[in-house]
Amino acid sequence: NMEKQEIINPYELSKDENWKKQKTFYSKSKAIKYLQAKATHFEVTKKLFKQLDQTGRLLPDKSKFGFGRYSEYRLDLYAYETQPR
């Protein structure tokens, strides 16, 4: 049972918190789970992620291994920017 987590405003983070979130990476499946825990306003699926990737709305950061990894900061930013006002 994933508890819904609060959507934070990434723009209000301290420098340290911001840096930590930018250095925390998730694989696509973990990123989906992370967003599912935060997003109540839309369903987060692999299909949605593919669309976000194709439109450039949520791009993975490329790691040195060439695999797409999503930073916690970007995921928070996406959740924050897409929440209903």
PDB file of N, CA and C in Angstrom:
ATOM      1  N   ASN A   1       0.844  -1.193   0.000  1.00  0.00           N
ATOM      2  CA  ASN A   1       0.000   0.000   0.000  1.00  0.00           C
ATOM      3  C   ASN A   1       0.888   1.256   0.000  1.00  0.00           C
ATOM      4  N   MET A   2       0.952   1.903  -1.127  1.00  0.00           N
ATOM      5  CA  MET A   2       1.784   3.105  -1.225  1.00  0.00           C
ATOM      6  C   MET A   2       1.004   4.301  -0.691  1.00  0.00           C
ATOM      7  N   GLU A   3       1.529   4.900   0.338  1.00  0.00           N
ATOM      8  CA  GLU A   3       0.905   6.101   0.860  1.00  0.00           C
ATOM      9  C   GLU A   3       1.147   7.225  -0.133  1.00  0.00           C
ATOM     10  N   LYS A   4       0.127   8.045  -0.347  1.00  0.00           N
ATOM     11  CA  LYS A   4       0.326   9.199  -1.217  1.00  0.00           C
ATOM     12  C   LYS A   4       1.263  10.167  -0.513  1.00  0.00           C
ATOM     13  N   GLN A   5       2.272  10.612  -1.249  1.00  0.00           N
ATOM     14  CA  GLN A   5       3.230  11.545  -0.681  1.00  0.00           C
ATOM     15  C   GLN A   5       2.876  12.950  -1.131  1.00  0.00           C
ATOM     16  N   GLU A   6       3.290  13.892  -0.334  1.00  0.00           N
ATOM     17  CA  GLU A   6       3.044  15.281  -0.655  1.00  0.00           C
ATOM     18  C   GLU A   6       3.861  15.673  -1.879  1.00  0.00           C
ATOM     19  N   ILE A   7       3.258  16.444  -2.744  1.00  0.00           N
ATOM     20  CA  ILE A   7       4.004  16.982  -3.882  1.00  0.00           C
ATOM     21  C   ILE A   7       4.714  18.230  -3.389  1.00  0.00           C
ATOM     22  N   ILE A   8       6.030  18.199  -3.492  1.00  0.00           N
ATOM     23  CA  ILE A   8       6.791  19.350  -3.005  1.00  0.00           C
ATOM     24  C   ILE A   8       7.074  20.328  -4.137  1.00  0.00           C
ATOM     25  N   ASN A   9       7.317  21.561  -3.762  1.00  0.00           N
ATOM     26  CA  ASN A   9       7.698  22.573  -4.734  1.00  0.00           C
ATOM     27  C   ASN A   9       9.220  22.562  -4.842  1.00  0.00           C
ATOM     28  N   PRO A  10       9.740  22.037  -5.956  1.00  0.00           N
ATOM     29  CA  PRO A  10      11.197  21.929  -6.093  1.00  0.00           C
ATOM     30  C   PRO A  10      11.898  23.289  -6.071  1.00  0.00           C
ATOM     31  N   TYR A  11      11.163  24.333  -6.423  1.00  0.00           N
ATOM     32  CA  TYR A  11      11.771  25.671  -6.447  1.00  0.00           C
ATOM     33  C   TYR A  11      12.026  26.198  -5.039  1.00  0.00           C
ATOM     34  N   GLU A  12      11.404  25.585  -4.031  1.00  0.00           N
ATOM     35  CA  GLU A  12      11.562  26.068  -2.664  1.00  0.00           C
ATOM     36  C   GLU A  12      12.571  25.250  -1.859  1.00  0.00           C
ATOM     37  N   LEU A  13      13.247  24.331  -2.507  1.00  0.00           N
ATOM     38  CA  LEU A  13      14.221  23.495  -1.812  1.00  0.00           C
ATOM     39  C   LEU A  13      15.476  24.285  -1.457  1.00  0.00           C
ATOM     40  N   SER A  14      16.117  23.884  -0.388  1.00  0.00           N
ATOM     41  CA  SER A  14      17.411  24.480  -0.067  1.00  0.00           C
ATOM     42  C   SER A  14      18.428  23.967  -1.091  1.00  0.00           C
ATOM     43  N   LYS A  15      19.551  24.619  -1.183  1.00  0.00           N
ATOM     44  CA  LYS A  15      20.590  24.201  -2.137  1.00  0.00           C
ATOM     45  C   LYS A  15      21.002  22.754  -1.907  1.00  0.00           C
ATOM     46  N   ASP A  16      21.175  22.380  -0.643  1.00  0.00           N
ATOM     47  CA  ASP A  16      21.596  21.016  -0.319  1.00  0.00           C
ATOM     48  C   ASP A  16      20.558  19.978  -0.740  1.00  0.00           C
ATOM     49  N   GLU A  17      19.299  20.273  -0.423  1.00  0.00           N
ATOM     50  CA  GLU A  17      18.220  19.351  -0.782  1.00  0.00           C
ATOM     51  C   GLU A  17      18.112  19.228  -2.307  1.00  0.00           C
ATOM     52  N   ASN A  18      18.195  20.363  -2.959  1.00  0.00           N
ATOM     53  CA  ASN A  18      18.128  20.407  -4.413  1.00  0.00           C
ATOM     54  C   ASN A  18      19.235  19.546  -5.011  1.00  0.00           C
ATOM     55  N   TRP A  19      20.444  19.737  -4.519  1.00  0.00           N
ATOM     56  CA  TRP A  19      21.594  18.995  -5.032  1.00  0.00           C
ATOM     57  C   TRP A  19      21.418  17.501  -4.807  1.00  0.00           C
ATOM     58  N   LYS A  20      20.927  17.135  -3.606  1.00  0.00           N
ATOM     59  CA  LYS A  20      20.726  15.728  -3.271  1.00  0.00           C
ATOM     60  C   LYS A  20      19.696  15.089  -4.211  1.00  0.00           C
ATOM     61  N   LYS A  21      18.620  15.828  -4.490  1.00  0.00           N
ATOM     62  CA  LYS A  21      17.579  15.309  -5.375  1.00  0.00           C
ATOM     63  C   LYS A  21      18.082  15.193  -6.818  1.00  0.00           C
ATOM     64  N   GLN A  22      18.969  16.094  -7.211  1.00  0.00           N
ATOM     65  CA  GLN A  22      19.512  16.020  -8.572  1.00  0.00           C
ATOM     66  C   GLN A  22      20.506  14.871  -8.710  1.00  0.00           C
ATOM     67  N   LYS A  23      21.020  14.387  -7.579  1.00  0.00           N
ATOM     68  CA  LYS A  23      21.993  13.296  -7.611  1.00  0.00           C
ATOM     69  C   LYS A  23      21.362  11.937  -7.280  1.00  0.00           C
ATOM     70  N   THR A  24      20.035  11.928  -7.067  1.00  0.00           N
ATOM     71  CA  THR A  24      19.327  10.679  -6.780  1.00  0.00           C
ATOM     72  C   THR A  24      18.603  10.247  -8.042  1.00  0.00           C
ATOM     73  N   PHE A  25      18.988   9.091  -8.562  1.00  0.00           N
ATOM     74  CA  PHE A  25      18.430   8.650  -9.836  1.00  0.00           C
ATOM     75  C   PHE A  25      17.606   7.381  -9.712  1.00  0.00           C
ATOM     76  N   TYR A  26      16.632   7.274 -10.581  1.00  0.00           N
ATOM     77  CA  TYR A  26      15.752   6.109 -10.625  1.00  0.00           C
ATOM     78  C   TYR A  26      15.722   5.535 -12.034  1.00  0.00           C
ATOM     79  N   SER A  27      15.591   4.219 -12.099  1.00  0.00           N
ATOM     80  CA  SER A  27      15.341   3.591 -13.392  1.00  0.00           C
ATOM     81  C   SER A  27      13.911   3.943 -13.781  1.00  0.00           C
ATOM     82  N   LYS A  28      13.511   3.619 -15.003  1.00  0.00           N
ATOM     83  CA  LYS A  28      12.163   3.960 -15.447  1.00  0.00           C
ATOM     84  C   LYS A  28      11.100   3.332 -14.545  1.00  0.00           C
ATOM     85  N   SER A  29      11.255   2.053 -14.207  1.00  0.00           N
ATOM     86  CA  SER A  29      10.228   1.397 -13.383  1.00  0.00           C
ATOM     87  C   SER A  29      10.149   2.008 -11.983  1.00  0.00           C
ATOM     88  N   LYS A  30      11.307   2.365 -11.424  1.00  0.00           N
ATOM     89  CA  LYS A  30      11.317   3.001 -10.102  1.00  0.00           C
ATOM     90  C   LYS A  30      10.752   4.420 -10.191  1.00  0.00           C
ATOM     91  N   ALA A  31      11.049   5.106 -11.292  1.00  0.00           N
ATOM     92  CA  ALA A  31      10.547   6.467 -11.497  1.00  0.00           C
ATOM     93  C   ALA A  31       9.023   6.446 -11.592  1.00  0.00           C
ATOM     94  N   ILE A  32       8.487   5.445 -12.269  1.00  0.00           N
ATOM     95  CA  ILE A  32       7.033   5.309 -12.388  1.00  0.00           C
ATOM     96  C   ILE A  32       6.422   5.115 -11.004  1.00  0.00           C
ATOM     97  N   LYS A  33       7.022   4.235 -10.213  1.00  0.00           N
ATOM     98  CA  LYS A  33       6.530   4.004  -8.844  1.00  0.00           C
ATOM     99  C   LYS A  33       6.619   5.268  -7.999  1.00  0.00           C
ATOM    100  N   TYR A  34       7.716   6.010  -8.154  1.00  0.00           N
ATOM    101  CA  TYR A  34       7.907   7.252  -7.403  1.00  0.00           C
ATOM    102  C   TYR A  34       6.805   8.252  -7.734  1.00  0.00           C
ATOM    103  N   LEU A  35       6.536   8.418  -9.031  1.00  0.00           N
ATOM    104  CA  LEU A  35       5.492   9.359  -9.438  1.00  0.00           C
ATOM    105  C   LEU A  35       4.107   8.865  -9.044  1.00  0.00           C
ATOM    106  N   GLN A  36       3.887   7.552  -9.115  1.00  0.00           N
ATOM    107  CA  GLN A  36       2.583   7.004  -8.730  1.00  0.00           C
ATOM    108  C   GLN A  36       2.279   7.335  -7.273  1.00  0.00           C
ATOM    109  N   ALA A  37       3.314   7.367  -6.453  1.00  0.00           N
ATOM    110  CA  ALA A  37       3.126   7.669  -5.035  1.00  0.00           C
ATOM    111  C   ALA A  37       2.749   9.134  -4.820  1.00  0.00           C
ATOM    112  N   LYS A  38       3.131   9.990  -5.747  1.00  0.00           N
ATOM    113  CA  LYS A  38       2.867  11.414  -5.605  1.00  0.00           C
ATOM    114  C   LYS A  38       1.665  11.886  -6.405  1.00  0.00           C
ATOM    115  N   ALA A  39       1.475  11.288  -7.555  1.00  0.00           N
ATOM    116  CA  ALA A  39       0.479  11.805  -8.487  1.00  0.00           C
ATOM    117  C   ALA A  39      -0.902  11.234  -8.196  1.00  0.00           C
ATOM    118  N   THR A  40      -1.802  12.087  -7.812  1.00  0.00           N
ATOM    119  CA  THR A  40      -3.178  11.651  -7.619  1.00  0.00           C
ATOM    120  C   THR A  40      -4.010  12.119  -8.793  1.00  0.00           C
ATOM    121  N   HIS A  41      -3.467  13.014  -9.589  1.00  0.00           N
ATOM    122  CA  HIS A  41      -4.250  13.677 -10.626  1.00  0.00           C
ATOM    123  C   HIS A  41      -4.142  13.016 -11.998  1.00  0.00           C
ATOM    124  N   PHE A  42      -3.297  12.026 -12.133  1.00  0.00           N
ATOM    125  CA  PHE A  42      -3.241  11.285 -13.389  1.00  0.00           C
ATOM    126  C   PHE A  42      -2.628   9.933 -13.116  1.00  0.00           C
ATOM    127  N   GLU A  43      -2.847   9.009 -14.027  1.00  0.00           N
ATOM    128  CA  GLU A  43      -2.292   7.681 -13.848  1.00  0.00           C
ATOM    129  C   GLU A  43      -0.929   7.616 -14.506  1.00  0.00           C
ATOM    130  N   VAL A  44       0.052   7.176 -13.756  1.00  0.00           N
ATOM    131  CA  VAL A  44       1.408   7.077 -14.274  1.00  0.00           C
ATOM    132  C   VAL A  44       1.630   5.653 -14.768  1.00  0.00           C
ATOM    133  N   THR A  45       1.836   5.519 -16.070  1.00  0.00           N
ATOM    134  CA  THR A  45       2.026   4.199 -16.672  1.00  0.00           C
ATOM    135  C   THR A  45       3.262   4.224 -17.561  1.00  0.00           C
ATOM    136  N   LYS A  46       3.675   3.035 -17.992  1.00  0.00           N
ATOM    137  CA  LYS A  46       4.804   2.969 -18.934  1.00  0.00           C
ATOM    138  C   LYS A  46       4.460   3.711 -20.215  1.00  0.00           C
ATOM    139  N   LYS A  47       3.188   3.602 -20.635  1.00  0.00           N
ATOM    140  CA  LYS A  47       2.747   4.268 -21.862  1.00  0.00           C
ATOM    141  C   LYS A  47       2.884   5.790 -21.730  1.00  0.00           C
ATOM    142  N   LEU A  48       2.451   6.322 -20.571  1.00  0.00           N
ATOM    143  CA  LEU A  48       2.581   7.757 -20.332  1.00  0.00           C
ATOM    144  C   LEU A  48       4.053   8.161 -20.380  1.00  0.00           C
ATOM    145  N   PHE A  49       4.888   7.356 -19.727  1.00  0.00           N
ATOM    146  CA  PHE A  49       6.317   7.665 -19.699  1.00  0.00           C
ATOM    147  C   PHE A  49       6.892   7.697 -21.106  1.00  0.00           C
ATOM    148  N   LYS A  50       6.456   6.769 -21.936  1.00  0.00           N
ATOM    149  CA  LYS A  50       6.938   6.725 -23.316  1.00  0.00           C
ATOM    150  C   LYS A  50       6.537   8.005 -24.045  1.00  0.00           C
ATOM    151  N   GLN A  51       5.291   8.445 -23.817  1.00  0.00           N
ATOM    152  CA  GLN A  51       4.814   9.685 -24.446  1.00  0.00           C
ATOM    153  C   GLN A  51       5.606  10.889 -23.936  1.00  0.00           C
ATOM    154  N   LEU A  52       5.857  10.914 -22.638  1.00  0.00           N
ATOM    155  CA  LEU A  52       6.617  12.031 -22.062  1.00  0.00           C
ATOM    156  C   LEU A  52       8.013  12.072 -22.653  1.00  0.00           C
ATOM    157  N   ASP A  53       8.579  10.898 -22.831  1.00  0.00           N
ATOM    158  CA  ASP A  53       9.909  10.780 -23.402  1.00  0.00           C
ATOM    159  C   ASP A  53       9.912  11.253 -24.856  1.00  0.00           C
ATOM    160  N   GLN A  54       8.918  10.809 -25.623  1.00  0.00           N
ATOM    161  CA  GLN A  54       8.854  11.156 -27.043  1.00  0.00           C
ATOM    162  C   GLN A  54       8.608  12.643 -27.263  1.00  0.00           C
ATOM    163  N   THR A  55       7.827  13.258 -26.383  1.00  0.00           N
ATOM    164  CA  THR A  55       7.537  14.681 -26.549  1.00  0.00           C
ATOM    165  C   THR A  55       8.588  15.560 -25.877  1.00  0.00           C
ATOM    166  N   GLY A  56       9.506  14.916 -25.162  1.00  0.00           N
ATOM    167  CA  GLY A  56      10.542  15.673 -24.485  1.00  0.00           C
ATOM    168  C   GLY A  56      10.055  16.323 -23.206  1.00  0.00           C
ATOM    169  N   ARG A  57       8.874  15.923 -22.744  1.00  0.00           N
ATOM    170  CA  ARG A  57       8.310  16.523 -21.526  1.00  0.00           C
ATOM    171  C   ARG A  57       9.044  16.056 -20.272  1.00  0.00           C
ATOM    172  N   LEU A  58       9.441  14.804 -20.255  1.00  0.00           N
ATOM    173  CA  LEU A  58      10.197  14.291 -19.108  1.00  0.00           C
ATOM    174  C   LEU A  58      11.267  13.373 -19.664  1.00  0.00           C
ATOM    175  N   LEU A  59      12.449  13.919 -19.827  1.00  0.00           N
ATOM    176  CA  LEU A  59      13.531  13.140 -20.414  1.00  0.00           C
ATOM    177  C   LEU A  59      14.417  12.551 -19.335  1.00  0.00           C
ATOM    178  N   PRO A  60      14.886  11.341 -19.555  1.00  0.00           N
ATOM    179  CA  PRO A  60      15.836  10.795 -18.590  1.00  0.00           C
ATOM    180  C   PRO A  60      17.172  11.508 -18.725  1.00  0.00           C
ATOM    181  N   ASP A  61      17.866  11.618 -17.607  1.00  0.00           N
ATOM    182  CA  ASP A  61      19.232  12.131 -17.658  1.00  0.00           C
ATOM    183  C   ASP A  61      20.078  10.959 -18.106  1.00  0.00           C
ATOM    184  N   LYS A  62      20.979  11.188 -19.020  1.00  0.00           N
ATOM    185  CA  LYS A  62      21.828  10.090 -19.478  1.00  0.00           C
ATOM    186  C   LYS A  62      22.943   9.855 -18.461  1.00  0.00           C
ATOM    187  N   SER A  63      23.085   8.619 -18.064  1.00  0.00           N
ATOM    188  CA  SER A  63      24.168   8.302 -17.144  1.00  0.00           C
ATOM    189  C   SER A  63      25.414   7.987 -17.955  1.00  0.00           C
ATOM    190  N   LYS A  64      26.526   7.781 -17.280  1.00  0.00           N
ATOM    191  CA  LYS A  64      27.757   7.497 -18.017  1.00  0.00           C
ATOM    192  C   LYS A  64      27.697   6.151 -18.715  1.00  0.00           C
ATOM    193  N   PHE A  65      26.717   5.335 -18.324  1.00  0.00           N
ATOM    194  CA  PHE A  65      26.553   4.031 -18.992  1.00  0.00           C
ATOM    195  C   PHE A  65      25.620   4.130 -20.190  1.00  0.00           C
ATOM    196  N   GLY A  66      25.051   5.333 -20.395  1.00  0.00           N
ATOM    197  CA  GLY A  66      24.188   5.520 -21.546  1.00  0.00           C
ATOM    198  C   GLY A  66      22.743   5.143 -21.303  1.00  0.00           C
ATOM    199  N   PHE A  67      22.428   4.653 -20.111  1.00  0.00           N
ATOM    200  CA  PHE A  67      21.038   4.300 -19.826  1.00  0.00           C
ATOM    201  C   PHE A  67      20.305   5.536 -19.330  1.00  0.00           C
ATOM    202  N   GLY A  68      19.017   5.608 -19.611  1.00  0.00           N
ATOM    203  CA  GLY A  68      18.239   6.727 -19.103  1.00  0.00           C
ATOM    204  C   GLY A  68      17.937   6.539 -17.633  1.00  0.00           C
ATOM    205  N   ARG A  69      18.251   7.537 -16.833  1.00  0.00           N
ATOM    206  CA  ARG A  69      17.905   7.522 -15.416  1.00  0.00           C
ATOM    207  C   ARG A  69      17.171   8.823 -15.135  1.00  0.00           C
ATOM    208  N   TYR A  70      16.176   8.733 -14.296  1.00  0.00           N
ATOM    209  CA  TYR A  70      15.399   9.932 -13.980  1.00  0.00           C
ATOM    210  C   TYR A  70      15.822  10.464 -12.615  1.00  0.00           C
ATOM    211  N   SER A  71      16.177  11.736 -12.560  1.00  0.00           N
ATOM    212  CA  SER A  71      16.569  12.297 -11.267  1.00  0.00           C
ATOM    213  C   SER A  71      15.314  12.609 -10.464  1.00  0.00           C
ATOM    214  N   GLU A  72      15.461  12.464  -9.154  1.00  0.00           N
ATOM    215  CA  GLU A  72      14.341  12.741  -8.254  1.00  0.00           C
ATOM    216  C   GLU A  72      13.881  14.180  -8.425  1.00  0.00           C
ATOM    217  N   TYR A  73      14.832  15.070  -8.691  1.00  0.00           N
ATOM    218  CA  TYR A  73      14.484  16.479  -8.880  1.00  0.00           C
ATOM    219  C   TYR A  73      13.541  16.658 -10.071  1.00  0.00           C
ATOM    220  N   ARG A  74      13.886  16.032 -11.194  1.00  0.00           N
ATOM    221  CA  ARG A  74      13.039  16.164 -12.384  1.00  0.00           C
ATOM    222  C   ARG A  74      11.659  15.564 -12.171  1.00  0.00           C
ATOM    223  N   LEU A  75      11.615  14.441 -11.454  1.00  0.00           N
ATOM    224  CA  LEU A  75      10.330  13.796 -11.177  1.00  0.00           C
ATOM    225  C   LEU A  75       9.473  14.695 -10.291  1.00  0.00           C
ATOM    226  N   ASP A  76      10.101  15.293  -9.279  1.00  0.00           N
ATOM    227  CA  ASP A  76       9.377  16.221  -8.410  1.00  0.00           C
ATOM    228  C   ASP A  76       8.875  17.420  -9.203  1.00  0.00           C
ATOM    229  N   LEU A  77       9.731  17.921 -10.071  1.00  0.00           N
ATOM    230  CA  LEU A  77       9.373  19.070 -10.899  1.00  0.00           C
ATOM    231  C   LEU A  77       8.167  18.736 -11.773  1.00  0.00           C
ATOM    232  N   TYR A  78       8.198  17.567 -12.370  1.00  0.00           N
ATOM    233  CA  TYR A  78       7.084  17.163 -13.233  1.00  0.00           C
ATOM    234  C   TYR A  78       5.793  17.034 -12.435  1.00  0.00           C
ATOM    235  N   ALA A  79       5.862  16.366 -11.285  1.00  0.00           N
ATOM    236  CA  ALA A  79       4.681  16.198 -10.435  1.00  0.00           C
ATOM    237  C   ALA A  79       4.137  17.559 -10.003  1.00  0.00           C
ATOM    238  N   TYR A  80       5.059  18.452  -9.654  1.00  0.00           N
ATOM    239  CA  TYR A  80       4.645  19.782  -9.191  1.00  0.00           C
ATOM    240  C   TYR A  80       4.004  20.593 -10.316  1.00  0.00           C
ATOM    241  N   GLU A  81       4.621  20.574 -11.482  1.00  0.00           N
ATOM    242  CA  GLU A  81       4.128  21.409 -12.590  1.00  0.00           C
ATOM    243  C   GLU A  81       2.834  20.892 -13.192  1.00  0.00           C
ATOM    244  N   THR A  82       2.544  19.624 -13.000  1.00  0.00           N
ATOM    245  CA  THR A  82       1.338  19.078 -13.638  1.00  0.00           C
ATOM    246  C   THR A  82       0.165  18.904 -12.681  1.00  0.00           C
ATOM    247  N   GLN A  83       0.374  19.228 -11.399  1.00  0.00           N
ATOM    248  CA  GLN A  83      -0.729  19.050 -10.462  1.00  0.00           C
ATOM    249  C   GLN A  83      -1.830  20.061 -10.747  1.00  0.00           C
ATOM    250  N   PRO A  84      -3.066  19.706 -10.478  1.00  0.00           N
ATOM    251  CA  PRO A  84      -4.161  20.655 -10.687  1.00  0.00           C
ATOM    252  C   PRO A  84      -4.003  21.848  -9.744  1.00  0.00           C
ATOM    253  N   ARG A  85      -4.281  23.004 -10.246  1.00  0.00           N
ATOM    254  CA  ARG A  85      -4.146  24.220  -9.417  1.00  0.00           C
ATOM    255  C   ARG A  85      -5.401  24.418  -8.583  1.00  0.00           C
TER     256      ARG A  85
END
